[in-house]
Amino acid sequence: MKAHQKLRIGLERLNRSLVLIEGSWQRTNRRNTLNELENILKRQHEIENETENIKDVFLREYIHEHLDNIAAARRNLAEEIKWEIESNEKSKGIQ
């Protein structure tokens, strides 16, 4: 399997994982969901490092664009979950 095919598959997996997390995080343990998002971040960094070995500028740019989109979605989702955790902790303290 060529390196760029492996990277494409990795990007697709990250996208699918984010879609699954986005659709289910409200029904699951928030801390576990944050751990899953942390795993996605680690995989993003691995793909970024692998991308540096690609000589084709256009392919590298294509992968970086996808990584940027994934990173933005992951950050937004992580912030939403952290906000939910903090608001739940504060509301428990009020009772």
Protein backbone atom coordinates (compact mmCIF):
# COMPACT_ATOMS: atom_id res chain seq x y z
CA MET A 1 0.00 0.00 0.00
CA LYS A 2 1.38 3.40 -0.96
CA ALA A 3 2.00 5.98 1.74
CA HIS A 4 -0.61 8.39 0.39
CA GLN A 5 -3.26 5.64 0.40
CA LYS A 6 -2.45 4.90 4.03
CA LEU A 7 -2.79 8.61 4.85
CA ARG A 8 -6.10 8.85 2.97
CA ILE A 9 -7.45 5.89 4.92
CA GLY A 10 -6.23 7.48 8.15
CA LEU A 11 -8.02 10.73 7.31
CA GLU A 12 -11.23 8.84 6.51
CA ARG A 13 -11.04 7.00 9.82
CA LEU A 14 -10.54 10.24 11.72
CA ASN A 15 -13.55 11.75 9.96
CA ARG A 16 -15.73 8.72 10.72
CA SER A 17 -14.62 8.71 14.34
CA LEU A 18 -15.49 12.38 14.72
CA VAL A 19 -18.91 11.86 13.14
CA LEU A 20 -19.61 8.97 15.52
CA ILE A 21 -18.49 10.96 18.55
CA GLU A 22 -20.52 13.99 17.44
CA GLY A 23 -23.63 11.86 17.17
CA SER A 24 -23.23 10.01 20.44
CA TRP A 25 -21.37 12.13 23.00
CA GLN A 26 -24.55 13.28 24.73
CA ARG A 27 -25.44 9.66 25.52
CA THR A 28 -21.99 8.60 26.71
CA ASN A 29 -19.58 9.36 29.51
CA ARG A 30 -18.11 12.80 28.82
CA ARG A 31 -14.66 11.94 30.19
CA ASN A 32 -14.45 8.87 27.94
CA THR A 33 -15.44 11.02 24.99
CA LEU A 34 -12.65 13.49 25.80
CA ASN A 35 -10.22 10.55 25.90
CA GLU A 36 -11.41 9.50 22.44
CA LEU A 37 -10.86 13.05 21.18
CA GLU A 38 -7.37 12.96 22.67
CA ASN A 39 -6.69 9.77 20.70
CA ILE A 40 -7.86 11.52 17.54
CA LEU A 41 -5.45 14.39 18.28
CA LYS A 42 -2.57 11.93 18.66
CA ARG A 43 -3.45 10.30 15.35
CA GLN A 44 -3.65 13.74 13.72
CA HIS A 45 -0.09 14.43 14.83
CA GLU A 46 1.05 11.06 13.47
CA ILE A 47 -0.52 11.81 10.09
CA GLU A 48 1.05 15.29 10.10
CA ASN A 49 4.48 13.76 10.68
CA GLU A 50 3.93 11.18 7.93
CA THR A 51 2.81 13.94 5.57
CA GLU A 52 6.16 15.71 5.85
CA ASN A 53 7.76 12.88 3.85
CA ILE A 54 5.50 13.49 0.83
CA LYS A 55 7.26 15.28 -1.99
CA ASP A 56 4.09 16.19 -3.94
CA VAL A 57 3.20 19.72 -2.80
CA PHE A 58 -0.43 19.44 -3.90
CA LEU A 59 -0.99 16.16 -2.09
CA ARG A 60 0.64 17.56 1.03
CA GLU A 61 -1.61 20.63 0.86
CA TYR A 62 -4.68 18.41 0.34
CA ILE A 63 -3.83 16.38 3.44
CA HIS A 64 -3.13 19.50 5.50
CA GLU A 65 -6.51 20.97 4.51
CA HIS A 66 -8.25 17.82 5.71
CA LEU A 67 -6.23 17.82 8.91
CA ASP A 68 -7.19 21.46 9.50
CA ASN A 69 -10.88 20.62 9.08
CA ILE A 70 -10.60 17.64 11.40
CA ALA A 71 -8.69 19.72 13.96
CA ALA A 72 -11.34 22.46 13.92
CA ALA A 73 -14.17 19.96 14.36
CA ARG A 74 -12.30 18.16 17.14
CA ARG A 75 -11.55 21.41 18.97
CA ASN A 76 -15.16 22.60 18.76
CA LEU A 77 -16.47 19.28 19.99
CA ALA A 78 -13.94 19.13 22.84
CA GLU A 79 -14.90 22.65 23.94
CA GLU A 80 -18.58 21.78 23.87
CA ILE A 81 -17.99 18.68 25.99
CA LYS A 82 -15.73 20.52 28.44
CA TRP A 83 -18.36 23.25 28.79
CA GLU A 84 -20.99 20.58 29.48
CA ILE A 85 -18.79 18.94 32.13
CA GLU A 86 -18.06 22.28 33.82
CA SER A 87 -21.69 23.39 33.80
CA ASN A 88 -22.78 20.06 35.30
CA GLU A 89 -20.15 20.36 38.03
CA LYS A 90 -21.24 23.92 38.81
CA SER A 91 -24.92 23.00 38.91
CA LYS A 92 -24.17 20.14 41.33
CA GLY A 93 -22.35 22.61 43.57
CA ILE A 94 -25.41 24.88 43.68
CA GLN A 95 -27.75 22.18 44.97
